[in-house]
Amino acid sequence: MRIALISFNSVWESKEESKLKASELFQLAAPEQVNWVIFPEMTLTGFSTNTQKCAEEPDNSPSINFFAECALKYGVYVSFGLALKKDGKATNNLVTLSPKGELIANYAKIHPFSHAKENEHYFSGEELVSANICDVPVGMSVCYDLRFPEMFQPLSAHNKIIINIANWPSSRITHWNTFLQARAIENQVFFIGVNRTGVDGNSIKYPKSSAVFGPKGIKVEGREVSPEVDIFELNIASVDEYREVFPVKRDRKLNLYKGFY
């Protein structure tokens, strides 16, 4: 599988300007013959709690329509982030589209970032979500979810890749890199983290830090096409191969763990 990670520097709360930038980055990724293009959390707006301005109707989303057109035009799977309206507030979503522009996964972030008062504006998601991408099962997560390993064991039971799209700041970037590697190791999956870059409307800085770790926890080296576009090749067979020779999951004691809670 060949993927493009887009370390997108969005234009703060300006979807139309961000769409122009995203269109240019699709044009850079397309000649690389990628199967899947992945953007960071709240792709076109940045991490905003202004849901009145940024959130869209789930059944009539201009952002979903835009990315569906891009998926169809370039014949790729696309994953991206956006806010969707719900009961006067919103949810923070990771949406995945097929090369035909069809919606194949819509994950609502389970852990809103209470430290930044996200929980006051966004409802928690309540379901784990997966999708088949190039016939490979993939699990979904968003930013702050990365700090909660409990959700990743069930998510990795049937998935060979897990992605996390984020707006993860420079001040905690050591945590980001450590968590990505740890989640790959403990779940024996390819773990993909896609983080934004630049400075947002709250003057928070984001370094280029999108990365892929393999099932052994070894960082996969990518190839930079531009400061915001990197290409990675994934040998998916290595997941089953490693789980076979080092079968950690079969030693888990789920019934015992439940008693601890």
C-alpha atoms as a PDB file:
ATOM      1  CA  MET A   1       0.000   0.000   0.000  1.00  0.00           C
ATOM      2  CA  ARG A   2       1.280   3.475  -0.886  1.00  0.00           C
ATOM      3  CA  ILE A   3      -0.019   6.372   1.176  1.00  0.00           C
ATOM      4  CA  ALA A   4       0.387  10.141   1.268  1.00  0.00           C
ATOM      5  CA  LEU A   5       0.445  11.889   4.644  1.00  0.00           C
ATOM      6  CA  ILE A   6      -0.536  15.546   4.350  1.00  0.00           C
ATOM      7  CA  SER A   7       0.978  17.630   7.164  1.00  0.00           C
ATOM      8  CA  PHE A   8      -1.516  20.339   6.339  1.00  0.00           C
ATOM      9  CA  ASN A   9      -1.083  23.952   7.439  1.00  0.00           C
ATOM     10  CA  SER A  10      -4.746  24.959   7.333  1.00  0.00           C
ATOM     11  CA  VAL A  11      -5.981  28.534   7.017  1.00  0.00           C
ATOM     12  CA  TRP A  12      -7.634  29.246  10.366  1.00  0.00           C
ATOM     13  CA  GLU A  13     -11.434  28.839  10.186  1.00  0.00           C
ATOM     14  CA  SER A  14     -11.336  29.551   6.439  1.00  0.00           C
ATOM     15  CA  LYS A  15     -12.601  26.522   4.577  1.00  0.00           C
ATOM     16  CA  GLU A  16     -12.490  28.055   1.107  1.00  0.00           C
ATOM     17  CA  GLU A  17      -8.868  29.143   1.411  1.00  0.00           C
ATOM     18  CA  SER A  18      -7.946  25.769   2.903  1.00  0.00           C
ATOM     19  CA  LYS A  19      -9.692  23.982   0.025  1.00  0.00           C
ATOM     20  CA  LEU A  20      -7.480  25.807  -2.460  1.00  0.00           C
ATOM     21  CA  LYS A  21      -4.404  24.644  -0.572  1.00  0.00           C
ATOM     22  CA  ALA A  22      -5.721  21.089  -0.299  1.00  0.00           C
ATOM     23  CA  SER A  23      -6.396  20.988  -4.051  1.00  0.00           C
ATOM     24  CA  GLU A  24      -2.776  21.910  -4.725  1.00  0.00           C
ATOM     25  CA  LEU A  25      -1.536  19.167  -2.413  1.00  0.00           C
ATOM     26  CA  PHE A  26      -3.732  16.566  -4.116  1.00  0.00           C
ATOM     27  CA  GLN A  27      -2.042  17.567  -7.367  1.00  0.00           C
ATOM     28  CA  LEU A  28       1.367  16.926  -5.797  1.00  0.00           C
ATOM     29  CA  ALA A  29       0.348  13.548  -4.374  1.00  0.00           C
ATOM     30  CA  ALA A  30      -1.465  12.228  -7.448  1.00  0.00           C
ATOM     31  CA  PRO A  31       1.622  11.589  -9.667  1.00  0.00           C
ATOM     32  CA  GLU A  32       3.033   9.408  -6.881  1.00  0.00           C
ATOM     33  CA  GLN A  33       0.336   6.794  -7.611  1.00  0.00           C
ATOM     34  CA  VAL A  34      -0.805   6.663  -4.007  1.00  0.00           C
ATOM     35  CA  ASN A  35      -3.759   4.571  -2.860  1.00  0.00           C
ATOM     36  CA  TRP A  36      -4.723   6.692   0.121  1.00  0.00           C
ATOM     37  CA  VAL A  37      -4.364  10.361   1.117  1.00  0.00           C
ATOM     38  CA  ILE A  38      -4.665  11.302   4.806  1.00  0.00           C
ATOM     39  CA  PHE A  39      -5.159  14.820   6.210  1.00  0.00           C
ATOM     40  CA  PRO A  40      -5.052  15.986   9.875  1.00  0.00           C
ATOM     41  CA  GLU A  41      -7.807  16.716  12.389  1.00  0.00           C
ATOM     42  CA  MET A  42     -10.340  19.454  11.488  1.00  0.00           C
ATOM     43  CA  THR A  43      -8.569  19.701   8.152  1.00  0.00           C
ATOM     44  CA  LEU A  44     -10.068  22.846   6.659  1.00  0.00           C
ATOM     45  CA  THR A  45     -10.454  24.934   9.834  1.00  0.00           C
ATOM     46  CA  GLY A  46      -7.820  23.991  12.363  1.00  0.00           C
ATOM     47  CA  PHE A  47      -8.748  22.898  15.896  1.00  0.00           C
ATOM     48  CA  SER A  48     -11.563  25.356  16.567  1.00  0.00           C
ATOM     49  CA  THR A  49     -14.257  25.292  19.245  1.00  0.00           C
ATOM     50  CA  ASN A  50     -16.325  27.758  17.223  1.00  0.00           C
ATOM     51  CA  THR A  51     -18.850  25.143  16.199  1.00  0.00           C
ATOM     52  CA  GLN A  52     -21.363  27.763  15.042  1.00  0.00           C
ATOM     53  CA  LYS A  53     -18.921  28.735  12.308  1.00  0.00           C
ATOM     54  CA  CYS A  54     -17.107  25.498  11.597  1.00  0.00           C
ATOM     55  CA  ALA A  55     -19.563  22.628  12.110  1.00  0.00           C
ATOM     56  CA  GLU A  56     -21.573  21.297   9.158  1.00  0.00           C
ATOM     57  CA  GLU A  57     -24.751  19.298   8.708  1.00  0.00           C
ATOM     58  CA  PRO A  58     -23.929  15.575   8.500  1.00  0.00           C
ATOM     59  CA  ASP A  59     -26.303  15.043   5.584  1.00  0.00           C
ATOM     60  CA  ASN A  60     -25.285  18.167   3.680  1.00  0.00           C
ATOM     61  CA  SER A  61     -21.595  18.786   4.283  1.00  0.00           C
ATOM     62  CA  PRO A  62     -19.715  20.985   1.795  1.00  0.00           C
ATOM     63  CA  SER A  63     -16.420  19.627   3.147  1.00  0.00           C
ATOM     64  CA  ILE A  64     -17.434  16.017   2.556  1.00  0.00           C
ATOM     65  CA  ASN A  65     -18.619  16.959  -0.931  1.00  0.00           C
ATOM     66  CA  PHE A  66     -15.291  18.678  -1.672  1.00  0.00           C
ATOM     67  CA  PHE A  67     -13.184  15.720  -0.580  1.00  0.00           C
ATOM     68  CA  ALA A  68     -15.514  13.299  -2.378  1.00  0.00           C
ATOM     69  CA  GLU A  69     -14.858  15.191  -5.613  1.00  0.00           C
ATOM     70  CA  CYS A  70     -11.106  14.973  -4.965  1.00  0.00           C
ATOM     71  CA  ALA A  71     -11.287  11.253  -4.189  1.00  0.00           C
ATOM     72  CA  LEU A  72     -13.194  10.613  -7.411  1.00  0.00           C
ATOM     73  CA  LYS A  73     -10.957  12.883  -9.506  1.00  0.00           C
ATOM     74  CA  TYR A  74      -7.715  11.242  -8.393  1.00  0.00           C
ATOM     75  CA  GLY A  75      -9.024   7.725  -7.762  1.00  0.00           C
ATOM     76  CA  VAL A  76      -7.804   7.535  -4.157  1.00  0.00           C
ATOM     77  CA  TYR A  77      -9.125   6.832  -0.698  1.00  0.00           C
ATOM     78  CA  VAL A  78      -9.217  10.026   1.378  1.00  0.00           C
ATOM     79  CA  SER A  79      -9.335  10.491   5.158  1.00  0.00           C
ATOM     80  CA  PHE A  80      -9.813  13.935   6.705  1.00  0.00           C
ATOM     81  CA  GLY A  81     -11.231  15.693   9.745  1.00  0.00           C
ATOM     82  CA  LEU A  82     -14.186  18.011  10.262  1.00  0.00           C
ATOM     83  CA  ALA A  83     -16.795  19.088  12.798  1.00  0.00           C
ATOM     84  CA  LEU A  84     -20.355  17.867  12.278  1.00  0.00           C
ATOM     85  CA  LYS A  85     -23.412  19.361  13.984  1.00  0.00           C
ATOM     86  CA  LYS A  86     -25.253  17.368  16.657  1.00  0.00           C
ATOM     87  CA  ASP A  87     -27.997  18.510  19.043  1.00  0.00           C
ATOM     88  CA  GLY A  88     -26.875  22.125  19.322  1.00  0.00           C
ATOM     89  CA  LYS A  89     -23.209  21.187  19.665  1.00  0.00           C
ATOM     90  CA  ALA A  90     -21.022  19.054  17.404  1.00  0.00           C
ATOM     91  CA  THR A  91     -18.808  16.004  17.117  1.00  0.00           C
ATOM     92  CA  ASN A  92     -15.172  15.982  15.993  1.00  0.00           C
ATOM     93  CA  ASN A  93     -15.055  13.519  13.115  1.00  0.00           C
ATOM     94  CA  LEU A  94     -12.634  11.521  11.006  1.00  0.00           C
ATOM     95  CA  VAL A  95     -14.288  10.786   7.664  1.00  0.00           C
ATOM     96  CA  THR A  96     -13.002   8.317   5.077  1.00  0.00           C
ATOM     97  CA  LEU A  97     -14.123   8.186   1.437  1.00  0.00           C
ATOM     98  CA  SER A  98     -13.581   5.582  -1.256  1.00  0.00           C
ATOM     99  CA  PRO A  99     -12.028   6.305  -4.689  1.00  0.00           C
ATOM    100  CA  LYS A 100     -15.615   6.572  -5.938  1.00  0.00           C
ATOM    101  CA  GLY A 101     -16.269   9.377  -3.464  1.00  0.00           C
ATOM    102  CA  GLU A 102     -18.468   7.185  -1.279  1.00  0.00           C
ATOM    103  CA  LEU A 103     -18.530   7.519   2.503  1.00  0.00           C
ATOM    104  CA  ILE A 104     -17.076   4.333   4.010  1.00  0.00           C
ATOM    105  CA  ALA A 105     -16.328   5.461   7.587  1.00  0.00           C
ATOM    106  CA  ASN A 106     -17.379   8.291   9.880  1.00  0.00           C
ATOM    107  CA  TYR A 107     -15.746   8.187  13.303  1.00  0.00           C
ATOM    108  CA  ALA A 108     -16.650  10.647  16.073  1.00  0.00           C
ATOM    109  CA  LYS A 109     -13.777  11.337  18.491  1.00  0.00           C
ATOM    110  CA  ILE A 110     -14.389   9.412  21.700  1.00  0.00           C
ATOM    111  CA  HIS A 111     -12.196  11.605  23.919  1.00  0.00           C
ATOM    112  CA  PRO A 112     -12.778  15.376  23.525  1.00  0.00           C
ATOM    113  CA  PHE A 113      -9.764  17.327  24.822  1.00  0.00           C
ATOM    114  CA  SER A 114     -11.102  18.709  28.101  1.00  0.00           C
ATOM    115  CA  HIS A 115      -7.814  20.545  28.807  1.00  0.00           C
ATOM    116  CA  ALA A 116      -8.772  22.907  25.951  1.00  0.00           C
ATOM    117  CA  LYS A 117     -12.509  22.766  26.821  1.00  0.00           C
ATOM    118  CA  GLU A 118     -13.323  20.774  23.678  1.00  0.00           C
ATOM    119  CA  ASN A 119     -15.788  18.771  25.770  1.00  0.00           C
ATOM    120  CA  GLU A 120     -17.885  21.911  26.300  1.00  0.00           C
ATOM    121  CA  HIS A 121     -18.497  22.234  22.556  1.00  0.00           C
ATOM    122  CA  TYR A 122     -18.251  18.665  21.259  1.00  0.00           C
ATOM    123  CA  PHE A 123     -20.037  15.479  22.254  1.00  0.00           C
ATOM    124  CA  SER A 124     -18.030  12.291  22.768  1.00  0.00           C
ATOM    125  CA  GLY A 125     -18.296   9.583  20.176  1.00  0.00           C
ATOM    126  CA  GLU A 126     -19.414   6.198  21.489  1.00  0.00           C
ATOM    127  CA  GLU A 127     -18.324   3.697  18.853  1.00  0.00           C
ATOM    128  CA  LEU A 128     -15.106   2.267  17.478  1.00  0.00           C
ATOM    129  CA  VAL A 129     -15.016   2.587  13.701  1.00  0.00           C
ATOM    130  CA  SER A 130     -13.087   0.713  11.026  1.00  0.00           C
ATOM    131  CA  ALA A 131     -13.018   0.639   7.229  1.00  0.00           C
ATOM    132  CA  ASN A 132     -11.535  -1.536   4.503  1.00  0.00           C
ATOM    133  CA  ILE A 133      -8.998   0.447   2.505  1.00  0.00           C
ATOM    134  CA  CYS A 134      -7.448  -1.424  -0.419  1.00  0.00           C
ATOM    135  CA  ASP A 135      -8.870  -4.557   1.228  1.00  0.00           C
ATOM    136  CA  VAL A 136      -6.913  -3.806   4.405  1.00  0.00           C
ATOM    137  CA  PRO A 137      -8.860  -3.332   7.671  1.00  0.00           C
ATOM    138  CA  VAL A 138      -8.102   0.070   9.217  1.00  0.00           C
ATOM    139  CA  GLY A 139      -9.112   1.506  12.610  1.00  0.00           C
ATOM    140  CA  MET A 140      -9.794   5.205  13.214  1.00  0.00           C
ATOM    141  CA  SER A 141      -8.845   7.609  16.020  1.00  0.00           C
ATOM    142  CA  VAL A 142      -8.448  11.352  16.546  1.00  0.00           C
ATOM    143  CA  CYS A 143      -5.758  13.288  18.436  1.00  0.00           C
ATOM    144  CA  TYR A 144      -6.391  13.046  22.223  1.00  0.00           C
ATOM    145  CA  ASP A 145      -7.647   9.456  21.777  1.00  0.00           C
ATOM    146  CA  LEU A 146      -3.972   8.540  21.499  1.00  0.00           C
ATOM    147  CA  ARG A 147      -3.559   8.895  25.280  1.00  0.00           C
ATOM    148  CA  PHE A 148      -6.117   6.163  26.037  1.00  0.00           C
ATOM    149  CA  PRO A 149      -4.667   2.731  25.186  1.00  0.00           C
ATOM    150  CA  GLU A 150      -7.821   0.899  26.268  1.00  0.00           C
ATOM    151  CA  MET A 151      -9.571   1.678  22.985  1.00  0.00           C
ATOM    152  CA  PHE A 152      -6.755   0.418  20.793  1.00  0.00           C
ATOM    153  CA  GLN A 153      -6.648  -3.216  21.900  1.00  0.00           C
ATOM    154  CA  PRO A 154     -10.183  -3.952  20.674  1.00  0.00           C
ATOM    155  CA  LEU A 155      -9.575  -1.730  17.661  1.00  0.00           C
ATOM    156  CA  SER A 156      -6.477  -3.707  16.703  1.00  0.00           C
ATOM    157  CA  ALA A 157      -8.102  -7.102  17.164  1.00  0.00           C
ATOM    158  CA  HIS A 158      -9.232  -7.134  13.523  1.00  0.00           C
ATOM    159  CA  ASN A 159      -7.336  -4.173  12.044  1.00  0.00           C
ATOM    160  CA  LYS A 160      -3.839  -4.154  10.589  1.00  0.00           C
ATOM    161  CA  ILE A 161      -3.527  -0.360  10.440  1.00  0.00           C
ATOM    162  CA  ILE A 162      -4.710   2.283  12.893  1.00  0.00           C
ATOM    163  CA  ILE A 163      -4.622   5.977  12.034  1.00  0.00           C
ATOM    164  CA  ASN A 164      -4.716   9.018  14.256  1.00  0.00           C
ATOM    165  CA  ILE A 165      -5.323  12.470  12.783  1.00  0.00           C
ATOM    166  CA  ALA A 166      -4.351  15.342  15.037  1.00  0.00           C
ATOM    167  CA  ASN A 167      -3.623  18.948  15.887  1.00  0.00           C
ATOM    168  CA  TRP A 168      -0.857  18.062  18.366  1.00  0.00           C
ATOM    169  CA  PRO A 169       1.203  21.075  19.524  1.00  0.00           C
ATOM    170  CA  SER A 170       4.964  21.552  19.722  1.00  0.00           C
ATOM    171  CA  SER A 171       4.818  21.782  23.509  1.00  0.00           C
ATOM    172  CA  ARG A 172       3.835  18.086  23.779  1.00  0.00           C
ATOM    173  CA  ILE A 173       5.411  16.671  20.632  1.00  0.00           C
ATOM    174  CA  THR A 174       7.602  14.227  22.594  1.00  0.00           C
ATOM    175  CA  HIS A 175       4.376  12.652  23.877  1.00  0.00           C
ATOM    176  CA  TRP A 176       3.033  12.397  20.309  1.00  0.00           C
ATOM    177  CA  ASN A 177       6.070  10.512  19.023  1.00  0.00           C
ATOM    178  CA  THR A 178       6.207   8.254  22.068  1.00  0.00           C
ATOM    179  CA  PHE A 179       2.509   7.378  21.928  1.00  0.00           C
ATOM    180  CA  LEU A 180       2.595   6.595  18.191  1.00  0.00           C
ATOM    181  CA  GLN A 181       5.470   4.172  18.672  1.00  0.00           C
ATOM    182  CA  ALA A 182       3.971   2.643  21.812  1.00  0.00           C
ATOM    183  CA  ARG A 183       0.564   2.064  20.208  1.00  0.00           C
ATOM    184  CA  ALA A 184       2.255   0.355  17.249  1.00  0.00           C
ATOM    185  CA  ILE A 185       4.257  -1.918  19.556  1.00  0.00           C
ATOM    186  CA  GLU A 186       1.508  -2.898  21.976  1.00  0.00           C
ATOM    187  CA  ASN A 187      -1.064  -3.497  19.212  1.00  0.00           C
ATOM    188  CA  GLN A 188       1.313  -4.985  16.609  1.00  0.00           C
ATOM    189  CA  VAL A 189      -0.081  -2.833  13.813  1.00  0.00           C
ATOM    190  CA  PHE A 190       1.031  -0.117  11.446  1.00  0.00           C
ATOM    191  CA  PHE A 191       0.231   3.026  13.395  1.00  0.00           C
ATOM    192  CA  ILE A 192      -0.088   6.196  11.326  1.00  0.00           C
ATOM    193  CA  GLY A 193      -0.121   9.670  12.854  1.00  0.00           C
ATOM    194  CA  VAL A 194      -0.976  12.705  10.728  1.00  0.00           C
ATOM    195  CA  ASN A 195      -0.397  16.039  12.416  1.00  0.00           C
ATOM    196  CA  ARG A 196      -0.977  19.569  11.128  1.00  0.00           C
ATOM    197  CA  THR A 197       1.823  22.125  10.784  1.00  0.00           C
ATOM    198  CA  GLY A 198       2.186  25.898  11.149  1.00  0.00           C
ATOM    199  CA  VAL A 199       0.542  28.214  13.672  1.00  0.00           C
ATOM    200  CA  ASP A 200      -3.205  28.263  14.343  1.00  0.00           C
ATOM    201  CA  GLY A 201      -5.559  31.097  15.228  1.00  0.00           C
ATOM    202  CA  ASN A 202      -4.749  30.670  18.919  1.00  0.00           C
ATOM    203  CA  SER A 203      -1.010  31.169  18.235  1.00  0.00           C
ATOM    204  CA  ILE A 204      -0.316  27.492  18.976  1.00  0.00           C
ATOM    205  CA  LYS A 205       2.635  26.068  17.029  1.00  0.00           C
ATOM    206  CA  TYR A 206       2.662  22.684  15.335  1.00  0.00           C
ATOM    207  CA  PRO A 207       5.865  21.071  14.057  1.00  0.00           C
ATOM    208  CA  LYS A 208       6.035  18.728  11.102  1.00  0.00           C
ATOM    209  CA  SER A 209       5.678  15.374  12.837  1.00  0.00           C
ATOM    210  CA  SER A 210       3.463  13.057  10.787  1.00  0.00           C
ATOM    211  CA  ALA A 211       4.875   9.553  11.032  1.00  0.00           C
ATOM    212  CA  VAL A 212       4.348   5.834  10.482  1.00  0.00           C
ATOM    213  CA  PHE A 213       5.492   3.076  12.829  1.00  0.00           C
ATOM    214  CA  GLY A 214       5.432  -0.588  11.861  1.00  0.00           C
ATOM    215  CA  PRO A 215       4.168  -3.513  13.976  1.00  0.00           C
ATOM    216  CA  LYS A 216       7.584  -3.925  15.634  1.00  0.00           C
ATOM    217  CA  GLY A 217       7.631  -0.240  16.575  1.00  0.00           C
ATOM    218  CA  ILE A 218      10.221   0.622  13.947  1.00  0.00           C
ATOM    219  CA  LYS A 219       9.698   3.972  12.240  1.00  0.00           C
ATOM    220  CA  VAL A 220       8.940   3.701   8.533  1.00  0.00           C
ATOM    221  CA  GLU A 221      10.963   6.124   6.443  1.00  0.00           C
ATOM    222  CA  GLY A 222       8.976   8.237   3.987  1.00  0.00           C
ATOM    223  CA  ARG A 223       9.890  10.307   0.955  1.00  0.00           C
ATOM    224  CA  GLU A 224       9.186  14.028   1.016  1.00  0.00           C
ATOM    225  CA  VAL A 225       7.441  15.422  -2.042  1.00  0.00           C
ATOM    226  CA  SER A 226       6.896  18.840  -0.482  1.00  0.00           C
ATOM    227  CA  PRO A 227       7.002  20.304   3.049  1.00  0.00           C
ATOM    228  CA  GLU A 228       3.410  19.113   3.519  1.00  0.00           C
ATOM    229  CA  VAL A 229       3.354  15.874   1.482  1.00  0.00           C
ATOM    230  CA  ASP A 230       5.232  12.666   2.338  1.00  0.00           C
ATOM    231  CA  ILE A 231       4.897   9.260   0.664  1.00  0.00           C
ATOM    232  CA  PHE A 232       5.142   5.954   2.533  1.00  0.00           C
ATOM    233  CA  GLU A 233       5.138   2.321   1.389  1.00  0.00           C
ATOM    234  CA  LEU A 234       3.557  -0.201   3.772  1.00  0.00           C
ATOM    235  CA  ASN A 235       4.200  -3.936   3.632  1.00  0.00           C
ATOM    236  CA  ILE A 236       0.899  -5.045   5.145  1.00  0.00           C
ATOM    237  CA  ALA A 237       1.905  -8.729   5.215  1.00  0.00           C
ATOM    238  CA  SER A 238       4.447  -7.903   7.915  1.00  0.00           C
ATOM    239  CA  VAL A 239       1.623  -7.474  10.463  1.00  0.00           C
ATOM    240  CA  ASP A 240       0.461 -11.089  10.258  1.00  0.00           C
ATOM    241  CA  GLU A 241       4.028 -12.314   9.975  1.00  0.00           C
ATOM    242  CA  TYR A 242       5.078 -10.603  13.206  1.00  0.00           C
ATOM    243  CA  ARG A 243       1.937 -11.588  15.094  1.00  0.00           C
ATOM    244  CA  GLU A 244       2.602 -15.188  14.113  1.00  0.00           C
ATOM    245  CA  VAL A 245       6.197 -15.303  15.360  1.00  0.00           C
ATOM    246  CA  PHE A 246       5.524 -13.152  18.458  1.00  0.00           C
ATOM    247  CA  PRO A 247       1.881 -13.828  19.417  1.00  0.00           C
ATOM    248  CA  VAL A 248       1.393 -11.355  22.251  1.00  0.00           C
ATOM    249  CA  LYS A 249      -2.350 -11.015  21.792  1.00  0.00           C
ATOM    250  CA  ARG A 250      -3.081 -14.637  22.641  1.00  0.00           C
ATOM    251  CA  ASP A 251      -1.648 -14.069  26.141  1.00  0.00           C
ATOM    252  CA  ARG A 252      -4.014 -11.244  27.016  1.00  0.00           C
ATOM    253  CA  LYS A 253      -6.370 -11.989  29.956  1.00  0.00           C
ATOM    254  CA  LEU A 254      -9.453  -9.983  29.093  1.00  0.00           C
ATOM    255  CA  ASN A 255     -11.747 -11.400  31.776  1.00  0.00           C
ATOM    256  CA  LEU A 256      -9.151 -10.658  34.444  1.00  0.00           C
ATOM    257  CA  TYR A 257      -8.583  -7.118  33.188  1.00  0.00           C
ATOM    258  CA  LYS A 258     -12.305  -6.386  33.372  1.00  0.00           C
ATOM    259  CA  GLY A 259     -12.197  -7.044  37.098  1.00  0.00           C
ATOM    260  CA  PHE A 260      -9.555  -4.365  37.568  1.00  0.00           C
ATOM    261  CA  TYR A 261     -12.091  -1.747  36.476  1.00  0.00           C
END
